[in-house]
PDB file of N, CA and C in Angstrom:
ATOM      1  N   MET A   1      39.090 107.313 -63.587  1.00  0.00           N
ATOM      2  CA  MET A   1      39.163 106.379 -62.499  1.00  0.00           C
ATOM      3  C   MET A   1      40.476 106.754 -61.401  1.00  0.00           C
ATOM      4  N   VAL A   2      40.165 106.651 -60.309  1.00  0.00           N
ATOM      5  CA  VAL A   2      41.190 106.763 -59.293  1.00  0.00           C
ATOM      6  C   VAL A   2      41.555 105.455 -58.833  1.00  0.00           C
ATOM      7  N   SER A   3      42.700 104.885 -58.675  1.00  0.00           N
ATOM      8  CA  SER A   3      42.616 103.332 -57.781  1.00  0.00           C
ATOM      9  C   SER A   3      43.730 103.467 -56.709  1.00  0.00           C
ATOM     10  N   ALA A   4      43.465 102.446 -56.179  1.00  0.00           N
ATOM     11  CA  ALA A   4      44.708 102.476 -54.849  1.00  0.00           C
ATOM     12  C   ALA A   4      45.638 101.234 -55.405  1.00  0.00           C
ATOM     13  N   ASP A   5      45.012 100.028 -56.062  1.00  0.00           N
ATOM     14  CA  ASP A   5      45.824  99.141 -56.886  1.00  0.00           C
ATOM     15  C   ASP A   5      45.088  98.392 -57.770  1.00  0.00           C
ATOM     16  N   ASP A   6      45.421  97.212 -57.987  1.00  0.00           N
ATOM     17  CA  ASP A   6      44.744  96.478 -59.317  1.00  0.00           C
ATOM     18  C   ASP A   6      43.205  95.996 -58.711  1.00  0.00           C
ATOM     19  N   LYS A   7      42.904  96.389 -57.490  1.00  0.00           N
ATOM     20  CA  LYS A   7      41.731  95.538 -57.161  1.00  0.00           C
ATOM     21  C   LYS A   7      40.752  96.800 -56.674  1.00  0.00           C
ATOM     22  N   VAL A   8      41.273  98.020 -56.105  1.00  0.00           N
ATOM     23  CA  VAL A   8      40.605  98.642 -55.013  1.00  0.00           C
ATOM     24  C   VAL A   8      40.540  99.982 -56.047  1.00  0.00           C
ATOM     25  N   ILE A   9      39.196 100.511 -56.237  1.00  0.00           N
ATOM     26  CA  ILE A   9      38.781 101.790 -56.864  1.00  0.00           C
ATOM     27  C   ILE A   9      38.736 102.929 -55.868  1.00  0.00           C
ATOM     28  N   VAL A  10      38.976 104.184 -55.941  1.00  0.00           N
ATOM     29  CA  VAL A  10      38.808 105.087 -55.045  1.00  0.00           C
ATOM     30  C   VAL A  10      37.845 106.027 -55.538  1.00  0.00           C
ATOM     31  N   GLY A  11      37.721 106.195 -56.805  1.00  0.00           N
ATOM     32  CA  GLY A  11      37.019 107.102 -57.296  1.00  0.00           C
ATOM     33  C   GLY A  11      36.601 106.735 -58.771  1.00  0.00           C
ATOM     34  N   ILE A  12      35.221 106.978 -59.361  1.00  0.00           N
ATOM     35  CA  ILE A  12      35.223 106.836 -60.846  1.00  0.00           C
ATOM     36  C   ILE A  12      34.201 107.793 -61.262  1.00  0.00           C
ATOM     37  N   SER A  13      34.195 108.213 -62.526  1.00  0.00           N
ATOM     38  CA  SER A  13      33.165 109.147 -62.933  1.00  0.00           C
ATOM     39  C   SER A  13      33.130 108.773 -64.700  1.00  0.00           C
ATOM     40  N   LEU A  14      32.132 109.200 -65.318  1.00  0.00           N
ATOM     41  CA  LEU A  14      31.887 108.748 -66.673  1.00  0.00           C
ATOM     42  C   LEU A  14      31.793 110.491 -67.082  1.00  0.00           C
ATOM     43  N   SER A  15      32.680 110.391 -68.428  1.00  0.00           N
ATOM     44  CA  SER A  15      32.454 111.636 -69.398  1.00  0.00           C
ATOM     45  C   SER A  15      32.140 111.175 -70.426  1.00  0.00           C
ATOM     46  N   GLY A  16      31.682 112.140 -71.363  1.00  0.00           N
ATOM     47  CA  GLY A  16      31.257 112.146 -72.763  1.00  0.00           C
ATOM     48  C   GLY A  16      32.443 111.539 -73.617  1.00  0.00           C
ATOM     49  N   GLY A  17      32.245 110.900 -74.574  1.00  0.00           N
ATOM     50  CA  GLY A  17      32.995 110.364 -75.610  1.00  0.00           C
ATOM     51  C   GLY A  17      33.951 111.130 -76.323  1.00  0.00           C
ATOM     52  N   GLU A  18      33.308 112.349 -76.433  1.00  0.00           N
ATOM     53  CA  GLU A  18      33.962 113.383 -77.361  1.00  0.00           C
ATOM     54  C   GLU A  18      34.781 114.260 -76.115  1.00  0.00           C
ATOM     55  N   CYS A  19      34.706 114.454 -74.917  1.00  0.00           N
ATOM     56  CA  CYS A  19      35.385 114.879 -73.860  1.00  0.00           C
ATOM     57  C   CYS A  19      36.650 114.341 -73.630  1.00  0.00           C
ATOM     58  N   HIS A  20      37.591 115.281 -73.109  1.00  0.00           N
ATOM     59  CA  HIS A  20      38.990 115.158 -72.793  1.00  0.00           C
ATOM     60  C   HIS A  20      38.970 114.509 -71.112  1.00  0.00           C
ATOM     61  N   ASP A  21      39.584 113.784 -71.048  1.00  0.00           N
ATOM     62  CA  ASP A  21      39.922 113.149 -69.500  1.00  0.00           C
ATOM     63  C   ASP A  21      40.451 113.880 -68.360  1.00  0.00           C
ATOM     64  N   ALA A  22      41.215 114.932 -68.667  1.00  0.00           N
ATOM     65  CA  ALA A  22      41.752 115.831 -67.586  1.00  0.00           C
ATOM     66  C   ALA A  22      41.002 116.703 -66.596  1.00  0.00           C
ATOM     67  N   PRO A  23      39.793 117.360 -67.289  1.00  0.00           N
ATOM     68  CA  PRO A  23      38.731 118.006 -66.359  1.00  0.00           C
ATOM     69  C   PRO A  23      38.204 116.862 -65.748  1.00  0.00           C
ATOM     70  N   GLU A  24      37.654 115.785 -66.106  1.00  0.00           N
ATOM     71  CA  GLU A  24      37.136 114.688 -65.128  1.00  0.00           C
ATOM     72  C   GLU A  24      38.060 114.324 -64.001  1.00  0.00           C
ATOM     73  N   GLY A  25      39.479 114.240 -64.419  1.00  0.00           N
ATOM     74  CA  GLY A  25      40.358 113.664 -63.355  1.00  0.00           C
ATOM     75  C   GLY A  25      40.562 114.657 -62.415  1.00  0.00           C
ATOM     76  N   ARG A  26      40.309 116.150 -62.808  1.00  0.00           N
ATOM     77  CA  ARG A  26      40.651 117.119 -61.941  1.00  0.00           C
ATOM     78  C   ARG A  26      39.601 117.125 -60.723  1.00  0.00           C
ATOM     79  N   ARG A  27      38.417 116.841 -61.217  1.00  0.00           N
ATOM     80  CA  ARG A  27      37.128 116.675 -60.378  1.00  0.00           C
ATOM     81  C   ARG A  27      37.398 115.476 -59.637  1.00  0.00           C
ATOM     82  N   LEU A  28      37.824 114.462 -59.947  1.00  0.00           N
ATOM     83  CA  LEU A  28      37.973 113.430 -59.218  1.00  0.00           C
ATOM     84  C   LEU A  28      38.912 113.598 -58.173  1.00  0.00           C
ATOM     85  N   LEU A  29      39.901 114.214 -58.462  1.00  0.00           N
ATOM     86  CA  LEU A  29      41.037 114.679 -57.559  1.00  0.00           C
ATOM     87  C   LEU A  29      40.517 115.473 -56.375  1.00  0.00           C
ATOM     88  N   GLU A  30      39.769 116.410 -56.742  1.00  0.00           N
ATOM     89  CA  GLU A  30      39.020 117.376 -55.693  1.00  0.00           C
ATOM     90  C   GLU A  30      38.265 116.532 -54.987  1.00  0.00           C
ATOM     91  N   ASP A  31      37.541 115.774 -55.332  1.00  0.00           N
ATOM     92  CA  ASP A  31      36.681 114.786 -54.514  1.00  0.00           C
ATOM     93  C   ASP A  31      37.395 114.012 -53.509  1.00  0.00           C
ATOM     94  N   MET A  32      38.555 113.695 -53.976  1.00  0.00           N
ATOM     95  CA  MET A  32      39.250 112.736 -53.033  1.00  0.00           C
ATOM     96  C   MET A  32      39.742 113.625 -51.867  1.00  0.00           C
ATOM     97  N   GLY A  33      39.952 114.943 -51.989  1.00  0.00           N
ATOM     98  CA  GLY A  33      40.168 115.351 -50.911  1.00  0.00           C
ATOM     99  C   GLY A  33      41.975 115.819 -50.681  1.00  0.00           C
ATOM    100  N   LYS A  34      42.325 116.360 -49.676  1.00  0.00           N
ATOM    101  CA  LYS A  34      43.766 116.812 -49.449  1.00  0.00           C
ATOM    102  C   LYS A  34      44.293 115.625 -48.621  1.00  0.00           C
ATOM    103  N   SER A  35      45.507 115.433 -49.049  1.00  0.00           N
ATOM    104  CA  SER A  35      46.639 114.443 -48.458  1.00  0.00           C
ATOM    105  C   SER A  35      47.090 114.847 -47.593  1.00  0.00           C
ATOM    106  N   GLU A  36      47.387 113.896 -46.373  1.00  0.00           N
ATOM    107  CA  GLU A  36      48.208 114.686 -45.333  1.00  0.00           C
ATOM    108  C   GLU A  36      49.585 114.135 -45.466  1.00  0.00           C
ATOM    109  N   ASP A  37      49.748 113.007 -46.159  1.00  0.00           N
ATOM    110  CA  ASP A  37      51.063 112.601 -46.430  1.00  0.00           C
ATOM    111  C   ASP A  37      51.318 113.045 -48.029  1.00  0.00           C
ATOM    112  N   LEU A  38      52.702 113.212 -48.320  1.00  0.00           N
ATOM    113  CA  LEU A  38      52.974 113.496 -49.730  1.00  0.00           C
ATOM    114  C   LEU A  38      52.970 111.919 -50.755  1.00  0.00           C
ATOM    115  N   LEU A  39      51.753 111.747 -50.700  1.00  0.00           N
ATOM    116  CA  LEU A  39      51.568 110.559 -51.800  1.00  0.00           C
ATOM    117  C   LEU A  39      52.114 110.652 -53.063  1.00  0.00           C
ATOM    118  N   PRO A  40      52.662 109.643 -53.800  1.00  0.00           N
ATOM    119  CA  PRO A  40      52.584 109.752 -55.098  1.00  0.00           C
ATOM    120  C   PRO A  40      51.281 109.649 -55.874  1.00  0.00           C
ATOM    121  N   LEU A  41      50.916 110.222 -57.075  1.00  0.00           N
ATOM    122  CA  LEU A  41      49.922 110.299 -57.971  1.00  0.00           C
ATOM    123  C   LEU A  41      50.428 109.752 -59.145  1.00  0.00           C
ATOM    124  N   LEU A  42      50.255 108.573 -59.668  1.00  0.00           N
ATOM    125  CA  LEU A  42      50.570 107.898 -61.105  1.00  0.00           C
ATOM    126  C   LEU A  42      49.785 108.315 -61.947  1.00  0.00           C
ATOM    127  N   MET A  43      49.747 109.074 -63.049  1.00  0.00           N
ATOM    128  CA  MET A  43      49.136 109.686 -63.948  1.00  0.00           C
ATOM    129  C   MET A  43      49.636 109.294 -65.205  1.00  0.00           C
ATOM    130  N   ASP A  44      48.442 108.999 -66.081  1.00  0.00           N
ATOM    131  CA  ASP A  44      48.519 108.938 -67.662  1.00  0.00           C
ATOM    132  C   ASP A  44      49.289 110.104 -68.321  1.00  0.00           C
ATOM    133  N   LYS A  45      49.735 109.977 -69.298  1.00  0.00           N
ATOM    134  CA  LYS A  45      49.882 111.449 -70.185  1.00  0.00           C
ATOM    135  C   LYS A  45      49.107 112.514 -70.544  1.00  0.00           C
ATOM    136  N   ALA A  46      47.802 111.546 -70.624  1.00  0.00           N
ATOM    137  CA  ALA A  46      46.578 112.632 -70.622  1.00  0.00           C
ATOM    138  C   ALA A  46      46.354 113.656 -69.789  1.00  0.00           C
ATOM    139  N   TYR A  47      46.841 113.378 -68.352  1.00  0.00           N
ATOM    140  CA  TYR A  47      46.864 114.272 -67.057  1.00  0.00           C
ATOM    141  C   TYR A  47      47.838 115.078 -67.000  1.00  0.00           C
ATOM    142  N   GLU A  48      48.911 115.304 -68.203  1.00  0.00           N
ATOM    143  CA  GLU A  48      49.871 115.992 -67.735  1.00  0.00           C
ATOM    144  C   GLU A  48      50.128 117.229 -67.642  1.00  0.00           C
ATOM    145  N   GLY A  49      48.841 117.713 -68.286  1.00  0.00           N
ATOM    146  CA  GLY A  49      48.707 119.233 -68.116  1.00  0.00           C
ATOM    147  C   GLY A  49      49.051 120.190 -67.018  1.00  0.00           C
ATOM    148  N   ASP A  50      49.547 121.283 -67.183  1.00  0.00           N
ATOM    149  CA  ASP A  50      50.067 122.217 -65.805  1.00  0.00           C
ATOM    150  C   ASP A  50      49.105 122.239 -65.087  1.00  0.00           C
ATOM    151  N   GLU A  51      47.556 122.574 -65.407  1.00  0.00           N
ATOM    152  CA  GLU A  51      46.557 122.639 -64.683  1.00  0.00           C
ATOM    153  C   GLU A  51      46.270 121.649 -63.455  1.00  0.00           C
ATOM    154  N   THR A  52      46.190 120.339 -63.984  1.00  0.00           N
ATOM    155  CA  THR A  52      46.287 119.075 -63.427  1.00  0.00           C
ATOM    156  C   THR A  52      47.136 118.713 -62.414  1.00  0.00           C
ATOM    157  N   ARG A  53      48.821 119.027 -62.764  1.00  0.00           N
ATOM    158  CA  ARG A  53      49.768 118.588 -61.841  1.00  0.00           C
ATOM    159  C   ARG A  53      49.622 119.715 -60.819  1.00  0.00           C
ATOM    160  N   LEU A  54      49.606 120.914 -61.095  1.00  0.00           N
ATOM    161  CA  LEU A  54      49.306 121.943 -60.133  1.00  0.00           C
ATOM    162  C   LEU A  54      48.205 121.760 -59.104  1.00  0.00           C
ATOM    163  N   LEU A  55      47.130 121.320 -59.630  1.00  0.00           N
ATOM    164  CA  LEU A  55      45.746 120.629 -58.567  1.00  0.00           C
ATOM    165  C   LEU A  55      46.553 119.692 -57.604  1.00  0.00           C
ATOM    166  N   ALA A  56      47.128 118.696 -58.378  1.00  0.00           N
ATOM    167  CA  ALA A  56      47.782 117.350 -57.652  1.00  0.00           C
ATOM    168  C   ALA A  56      48.783 118.046 -56.539  1.00  0.00           C
ATOM    169  N   GLU A  57      49.616 118.826 -56.839  1.00  0.00           N
ATOM    170  CA  GLU A  57      50.503 119.388 -55.988  1.00  0.00           C
ATOM    171  C   GLU A  57      49.736 120.245 -54.591  1.00  0.00           C
ATOM    172  N   LEU A  58      48.755 120.931 -55.107  1.00  0.00           N
ATOM    173  CA  LEU A  58      48.028 121.863 -53.999  1.00  0.00           C
ATOM    174  C   LEU A  58      47.412 120.884 -53.135  1.00  0.00           C
ATOM    175  N   MET A  59      46.901 119.747 -53.399  1.00  0.00           N
ATOM    176  CA  MET A  59      45.972 118.667 -52.940  1.00  0.00           C
ATOM    177  C   MET A  59      46.997 117.747 -52.047  1.00  0.00           C
ATOM    178  N   GLY A  60      48.352 117.869 -52.011  1.00  0.00           N
ATOM    179  CA  GLY A  60      49.349 117.332 -51.337  1.00  0.00           C
ATOM    180  C   GLY A  60      49.811 116.060 -51.997  1.00  0.00           C
ATOM    181  N   TYR A  61      49.452 115.894 -53.195  1.00  0.00           N
ATOM    182  CA  TYR A  61      49.962 114.384 -53.801  1.00  0.00           C
ATOM    183  C   TYR A  61      51.394 114.928 -54.723  1.00  0.00           C
ATOM    184  N   LEU A  62      52.066 114.199 -54.898  1.00  0.00           N
ATOM    185  CA  LEU A  62      53.386 114.252 -55.843  1.00  0.00           C
ATOM    186  C   LEU A  62      53.156 113.634 -57.073  1.00  0.00           C
ATOM    187  N   PRO A  63      52.719 114.484 -58.304  1.00  0.00           N
ATOM    188  CA  PRO A  63      52.324 114.028 -59.656  1.00  0.00           C
ATOM    189  C   PRO A  63      53.452 113.239 -60.153  1.00  0.00           C
ATOM    190  N   VAL A  64      53.381 112.198 -60.649  1.00  0.00           N
ATOM    191  CA  VAL A  64      54.344 111.327 -61.129  1.00  0.00           C
ATOM    192  C   VAL A  64      53.800 111.074 -62.598  1.00  0.00           C
ATOM    193  N   VAL A  65      54.267 111.855 -63.665  1.00  0.00           N
ATOM    194  CA  VAL A  65      53.584 111.666 -65.050  1.00  0.00           C
ATOM    195  C   VAL A  65      54.774 112.365 -65.741  1.00  0.00           C
ATOM    196  N   PRO A  66      55.141 111.684 -67.049  1.00  0.00           N
ATOM    197  CA  PRO A  66      56.200 111.931 -67.933  1.00  0.00           C
ATOM    198  C   PRO A  66      55.392 112.769 -68.825  1.00  0.00           C
ATOM    199  N   PRO A  67      56.424 114.252 -69.278  1.00  0.00           N
ATOM    200  CA  PRO A  67      56.013 115.070 -70.127  1.00  0.00           C
ATOM    201  C   PRO A  67      55.496 114.445 -71.573  1.00  0.00           C
ATOM    202  N   LYS A  68      54.727 115.192 -72.199  1.00  0.00           N
ATOM    203  CA  LYS A  68      54.601 114.857 -73.722  1.00  0.00           C
ATOM    204  C   LYS A  68      55.731 115.117 -74.499  1.00  0.00           C
ATOM    205  N   SER A  69      56.138 114.458 -75.403  1.00  0.00           N
ATOM    206  CA  SER A  69      57.246 114.578 -76.379  1.00  0.00           C
ATOM    207  C   SER A  69      57.360 115.767 -76.940  1.00  0.00           C
ATOM    208  N   ASN A  70      56.211 116.617 -77.149  1.00  0.00           N
ATOM    209  CA  ASN A  70      56.258 117.936 -77.726  1.00  0.00           C
ATOM    210  C   ASN A  70      56.589 119.115 -76.534  1.00  0.00           C
ATOM    211  N   ARG A  71      56.849 118.906 -75.587  1.00  0.00           N
ATOM    212  CA  ARG A  71      56.693 120.011 -74.437  1.00  0.00           C
ATOM    213  C   ARG A  71      58.254 120.903 -74.603  1.00  0.00           C
ATOM    214  N   LYS A  72      57.596 122.024 -74.620  1.00  0.00           N
ATOM    215  CA  LYS A  72      58.965 122.868 -74.781  1.00  0.00           C
ATOM    216  C   LYS A  72      59.716 122.768 -73.441  1.00  0.00           C
ATOM    217  N   GLU A  73      59.199 122.823 -72.121  1.00  0.00           N
ATOM    218  CA  GLU A  73      59.978 122.803 -70.964  1.00  0.00           C
ATOM    219  C   GLU A  73      59.722 121.575 -70.021  1.00  0.00           C
ATOM    220  N   PRO A  74      60.198 120.266 -70.607  1.00  0.00           N
ATOM    221  CA  PRO A  74      60.080 118.727 -69.806  1.00  0.00           C
ATOM    222  C   PRO A  74      60.611 119.025 -68.435  1.00  0.00           C
ATOM    223  N   TRP A  75      60.017 118.097 -67.703  1.00  0.00           N
ATOM    224  CA  TRP A  75      60.407 118.104 -66.116  1.00  0.00           C
ATOM    225  C   TRP A  75      60.860 116.646 -65.884  1.00  0.00           C
ATOM    226  N   GLU A  76      61.541 116.499 -65.041  1.00  0.00           N
ATOM    227  CA  GLU A  76      62.001 115.543 -64.675  1.00  0.00           C
ATOM    228  C   GLU A  76      61.090 114.425 -63.638  1.00  0.00           C
ATOM    229  N   TYR A  77      61.103 113.413 -63.544  1.00  0.00           N
ATOM    230  CA  TYR A  77      60.069 112.397 -63.046  1.00  0.00           C
ATOM    231  C   TYR A  77      60.650 111.142 -62.500  1.00  0.00           C
ATOM    232  N   ASP A  78      60.132 110.356 -61.266  1.00  0.00           N
ATOM    233  CA  ASP A  78      60.505 109.199 -60.862  1.00  0.00           C
ATOM    234  C   ASP A  78      60.291 108.287 -62.055  1.00  0.00           C
ATOM    235  N   LYS A  79      61.036 107.939 -62.589  1.00  0.00           N
ATOM    236  CA  LYS A  79      60.953 106.591 -63.897  1.00  0.00           C
ATOM    237  C   LYS A  79      60.454 105.294 -63.215  1.00  0.00           C
ATOM    238  N   GLU A  80      61.222 104.989 -62.252  1.00  0.00           N
ATOM    239  CA  GLU A  80      61.142 103.748 -61.531  1.00  0.00           C
ATOM    240  C   GLU A  80      59.744 103.787 -60.903  1.00  0.00           C
ATOM    241  N   LEU A  81      59.358 104.716 -60.240  1.00  0.00           N
ATOM    242  CA  LEU A  81      57.945 104.740 -59.583  1.00  0.00           C
ATOM    243  C   LEU A  81      56.710 104.713 -60.573  1.00  0.00           C
ATOM    244  N   TYR A  82      57.164 105.348 -61.664  1.00  0.00           N
ATOM    245  CA  TYR A  82      56.315 105.536 -62.852  1.00  0.00           C
ATOM    246  C   TYR A  82      55.740 104.142 -63.354  1.00  0.00           C
ATOM    247  N   LYS A  83      56.911 103.327 -63.472  1.00  0.00           N
ATOM    248  CA  LYS A  83      56.799 101.863 -64.152  1.00  0.00           C
ATOM    249  C   LYS A  83      55.725 101.287 -63.182  1.00  0.00           C
ATOM    250  N   ARG A  84      55.380 101.413 -61.838  1.00  0.00           N
ATOM    251  CA  ARG A  84      54.202 100.855 -61.140  1.00  0.00           C
ATOM    252  C   ARG A  84      52.802 101.236 -61.663  1.00  0.00           C
ATOM    253  N   ARG A  85      52.936 102.020 -62.750  1.00  0.00           N
ATOM    254  CA  ARG A  85      51.403 102.410 -63.318  1.00  0.00           C
ATOM    255  C   ARG A  85      50.601 101.380 -64.001  1.00  0.00           C
ATOM    256  N   ASN A  86      51.472 100.062 -64.511  1.00  0.00           N
ATOM    257  CA  ASN A  86      51.068  98.999 -64.805  1.00  0.00           C
ATOM    258  C   ASN A  86      50.046  98.547 -63.721  1.00  0.00           C
ATOM    259  N   ILE A  87      50.039  98.697 -62.512  1.00  0.00           N
ATOM    260  CA  ILE A  87      49.055  98.134 -61.810  1.00  0.00           C
ATOM    261  C   ILE A  87      47.843  98.703 -62.025  1.00  0.00           C
ATOM    262  N   VAL A  88      47.458  99.967 -62.582  1.00  0.00           N
ATOM    263  CA  VAL A  88      46.275 100.516 -62.834  1.00  0.00           C
ATOM    264  C   VAL A  88      45.917 100.116 -64.158  1.00  0.00           C
ATOM    265  N   GLU A  89      46.960  99.784 -65.053  1.00  0.00           N
ATOM    266  CA  GLU A  89      46.465  99.216 -66.164  1.00  0.00           C
ATOM    267  C   GLU A  89      45.973  97.716 -66.089  1.00  0.00           C
ATOM    268  N   ARG A  90      46.500  96.837 -64.974  1.00  0.00           N
ATOM    269  CA  ARG A  90      45.883  95.773 -64.808  1.00  0.00           C
ATOM    270  C   ARG A  90      44.382  95.894 -64.347  1.00  0.00           C
ATOM    271  N   LEU A  91      44.233  97.030 -63.650  1.00  0.00           N
ATOM    272  CA  LEU A  91      42.858  97.110 -62.972  1.00  0.00           C
ATOM    273  C   LEU A  91      41.882  97.252 -64.080  1.00  0.00           C
ATOM    274  N   PHE A  92      42.284  98.131 -65.264  1.00  0.00           N
ATOM    275  CA  PHE A  92      41.410  98.177 -66.750  1.00  0.00           C
ATOM    276  C   PHE A  92      41.318  96.876 -67.191  1.00  0.00           C
ATOM    277  N   ARG A  93      42.311  95.883 -67.335  1.00  0.00           N
ATOM    278  CA  ARG A  93      42.250  94.713 -68.050  1.00  0.00           C
ATOM    279  C   ARG A  93      41.311  93.764 -67.148  1.00  0.00           C
ATOM    280  N   ARG A  94      41.235  93.878 -65.790  1.00  0.00           N
ATOM    281  CA  ARG A  94      40.128  93.101 -65.122  1.00  0.00           C
ATOM    282  C   ARG A  94      38.923  93.388 -65.597  1.00  0.00           C
ATOM    283  N   ILE A  95      38.675  94.716 -65.540  1.00  0.00           N
ATOM    284  CA  ILE A  95      37.079  95.204 -65.772  1.00  0.00           C
ATOM    285  C   ILE A  95      36.766  94.686 -67.434  1.00  0.00           C
ATOM    286  N   LYS A  96      37.694  95.178 -68.389  1.00  0.00           N
ATOM    287  CA  LYS A  96      37.367  94.627 -69.459  1.00  0.00           C
ATOM    288  C   LYS A  96      37.186  92.994 -69.788  1.00  0.00           C
ATOM    289  N   GLU A  97      37.007  92.351 -68.977  1.00  0.00           N
ATOM    290  CA  GLU A  97      37.060  90.927 -68.993  1.00  0.00           C
ATOM    291  C   GLU A  97      35.511  90.801 -69.021  1.00  0.00           C
ATOM    292  N   PHE A  98      34.869  91.840 -68.448  1.00  0.00           N
ATOM    293  CA  PHE A  98      33.144  91.575 -68.614  1.00  0.00           C
ATOM    294  C   PHE A  98      32.861  92.557 -69.615  1.00  0.00           C
ATOM    295  N   ARG A  99      31.996  91.341 -70.605  1.00  0.00           N
ATOM    296  CA  ARG A  99      31.924  91.999 -71.772  1.00  0.00           C
ATOM    297  C   ARG A  99      30.802  92.845 -71.871  1.00  0.00           C
ATOM    298  N   ARG A 100      30.019  93.035 -70.874  1.00  0.00           N
ATOM    299  CA  ARG A 100      28.916  94.199 -70.917  1.00  0.00           C
ATOM    300  C   ARG A 100      29.513  95.595 -70.626  1.00  0.00           C
ATOM    301  N   VAL A 101      30.746  95.510 -69.845  1.00  0.00           N
ATOM    302  CA  VAL A 101      31.430  96.580 -69.605  1.00  0.00           C
ATOM    303  C   VAL A 101      32.146  97.159 -70.733  1.00  0.00           C
ATOM    304  N   PHE A 102      33.096  96.357 -71.385  1.00  0.00           N
ATOM    305  CA  PHE A 102      33.887  96.439 -72.502  1.00  0.00           C
ATOM    306  C   PHE A 102      33.170  96.908 -73.739  1.00  0.00           C
ATOM    307  N   THR A 103      31.867  96.414 -74.071  1.00  0.00           N
ATOM    308  CA  THR A 103      31.246  96.801 -75.336  1.00  0.00           C
ATOM    309  C   THR A 103      29.961  98.048 -75.021  1.00  0.00           C
ATOM    310  N   ARG A 104      29.745  98.268 -73.744  1.00  0.00           N
ATOM    311  CA  ARG A 104      28.640  99.087 -73.162  1.00  0.00           C
ATOM    312  C   ARG A 104      27.427  99.059 -74.086  1.00  0.00           C
ATOM    313  N   TYR A 105      26.967  97.902 -73.577  1.00  0.00           N
ATOM    314  CA  TYR A 105      25.627  97.884 -74.046  1.00  0.00           C
ATOM    315  C   TYR A 105      24.539  98.336 -73.395  1.00  0.00           C
ATOM    316  N   ASP A 106      24.616  99.120 -72.156  1.00  0.00           N
ATOM    317  CA  ASP A 106      23.670  99.844 -71.658  1.00  0.00           C
ATOM    318  C   ASP A 106      23.966 101.321 -72.186  1.00  0.00           C
ATOM    319  N   LYS A 107      22.553 102.182 -72.293  1.00  0.00           N
ATOM    320  CA  LYS A 107      22.513 103.347 -72.863  1.00  0.00           C
ATOM    321  C   LYS A 107      22.466 104.241 -71.847  1.00  0.00           C
ATOM    322  N   LEU A 108      21.977 104.007 -70.623  1.00  0.00           N
ATOM    323  CA  LEU A 108      21.915 105.197 -69.349  1.00  0.00           C
ATOM    324  C   LEU A 108      23.013 104.870 -68.811  1.00  0.00           C
ATOM    325  N   ASP A 109      23.769 106.176 -68.498  1.00  0.00           N
ATOM    326  CA  ASP A 109      24.884 106.014 -67.277  1.00  0.00           C
ATOM    327  C   ASP A 109      24.729 105.379 -66.315  1.00  0.00           C
ATOM    328  N   ILE A 110      23.633 105.624 -65.611  1.00  0.00           N
ATOM    329  CA  ILE A 110      23.302 104.979 -64.203  1.00  0.00           C
ATOM    330  C   ILE A 110      23.110 103.429 -64.123  1.00  0.00           C
ATOM    331  N   ILE A 111      22.410 103.025 -65.136  1.00  0.00           N
ATOM    332  CA  ILE A 111      22.675 101.358 -65.416  1.00  0.00           C
ATOM    333  C   ILE A 111      24.119 101.088 -65.740  1.00  0.00           C
ATOM    334  N   TYR A 112      24.804 101.693 -66.787  1.00  0.00           N
ATOM    335  CA  TYR A 112      26.153 101.337 -66.841  1.00  0.00           C
ATOM    336  C   TYR A 112      27.099 101.552 -65.880  1.00  0.00           C
ATOM    337  N   LEU A 113      26.976 102.268 -65.033  1.00  0.00           N
ATOM    338  CA  LEU A 113      27.734 102.674 -63.902  1.00  0.00           C
ATOM    339  C   LEU A 113      27.643 101.603 -62.861  1.00  0.00           C
ATOM    340  N   SER A 114      26.322 101.331 -62.462  1.00  0.00           N
ATOM    341  CA  SER A 114      25.734 100.230 -61.434  1.00  0.00           C
ATOM    342  C   SER A 114      26.570  98.807 -61.931  1.00  0.00           C
ATOM    343  N   PHE A 115      26.618  98.592 -63.238  1.00  0.00           N
ATOM    344  CA  PHE A 115      27.111  97.030 -63.556  1.00  0.00           C
ATOM    345  C   PHE A 115      28.544  97.438 -63.202  1.00  0.00           C
ATOM    346  N   VAL A 116      29.311  98.269 -63.498  1.00  0.00           N
ATOM    347  CA  VAL A 116      30.591  98.764 -63.566  1.00  0.00           C
ATOM    348  C   VAL A 116      30.720  98.280 -61.793  1.00  0.00           C
ATOM    349  N   TYR A 117      30.251  99.270 -61.198  1.00  0.00           N
ATOM    350  CA  TYR A 117      30.507  98.843 -59.473  1.00  0.00           C
ATOM    351  C   TYR A 117      30.064  97.269 -59.219  1.00  0.00           C
ATOM    352  N   PHE A 118      29.227  96.770 -59.794  1.00  0.00           N
ATOM    353  CA  PHE A 118      28.892  95.374 -59.687  1.00  0.00           C
ATOM    354  C   PHE A 118      30.314  94.331 -60.071  1.00  0.00           C
ATOM    355  N   CYS A 119      30.744  94.816 -61.070  1.00  0.00           N
ATOM    356  CA  CYS A 119      31.939  94.235 -61.536  1.00  0.00           C
ATOM    357  C   CYS A 119      32.990  94.156 -60.625  1.00  0.00           C
ATOM    358  N   PHE A 120      33.221  95.579 -59.998  1.00  0.00           N
ATOM    359  CA  PHE A 120      34.521  95.718 -58.926  1.00  0.00           C
ATOM    360  C   PHE A 120      34.190  94.948 -57.917  1.00  0.00           C
ATOM    361  N   SER A 121      32.832  94.744 -57.253  1.00  0.00           N
ATOM    362  CA  SER A 121      32.428  93.851 -56.236  1.00  0.00           C
ATOM    363  C   SER A 121      32.951  92.661 -56.695  1.00  0.00           C
ATOM    364  N   ILE A 122      32.745  92.055 -57.481  1.00  0.00           N
ATOM    365  CA  ILE A 122      33.289  90.691 -58.059  1.00  0.00           C
ATOM    366  C   ILE A 122      34.690  90.709 -58.116  1.00  0.00           C
ATOM    367  N   ILE A 123      35.367  91.410 -58.563  1.00  0.00           N
ATOM    368  CA  ILE A 123      36.867  91.565 -58.876  1.00  0.00           C
ATOM    369  C   ILE A 123      37.183  91.498 -57.100  1.00  0.00           C
ATOM    370  N   TRP A 124      36.757  92.379 -56.552  1.00  0.00           N
ATOM    371  CA  TRP A 124      37.145  92.453 -55.085  1.00  0.00           C
ATOM    372  C   TRP A 124      37.036  91.143 -54.238  1.00  0.00           C
ATOM    373  N   LEU A 125      35.988  90.570 -54.291  1.00  0.00           N
ATOM    374  CA  LEU A 125      35.557  89.277 -53.689  1.00  0.00           C
ATOM    375  C   LEU A 125      36.596  88.098 -54.153  1.00  0.00           C
ATOM    376  N   ASN A 126      36.920  88.258 -55.191  1.00  0.00           N
ATOM    377  CA  ASN A 126      37.858  86.978 -55.843  1.00  0.00           C
ATOM    378  C   ASN A 126      39.234  87.459 -55.197  1.00  0.00           C
TER     379      ASN A 126
END
């Protein structure tokens, strides 16, 4: 999921439960398109791979993600800006208030994703 704040999503896609999130995140990043301004892109450590960070830079974003602890060559990142990632976590908290989303009762992706969009509509209207 790509979000602008704790109520607005920019993009969302589903992946298999056994799949890693990074390839899906790169696809969402490509779907967003290039940024005219150098906007910060706050990412979870799951997206800290070289390929994802390079793609973010090529798309005109400033990747703000801490390196994993086992990185041989860690990089510096804006720790104060990274603290704002809790806004994204609040978005996930809001969506998990809907039990049907949290427990994923729906078997078909299209039905599940439709209800997720419905939930975001309710969140946005409140």
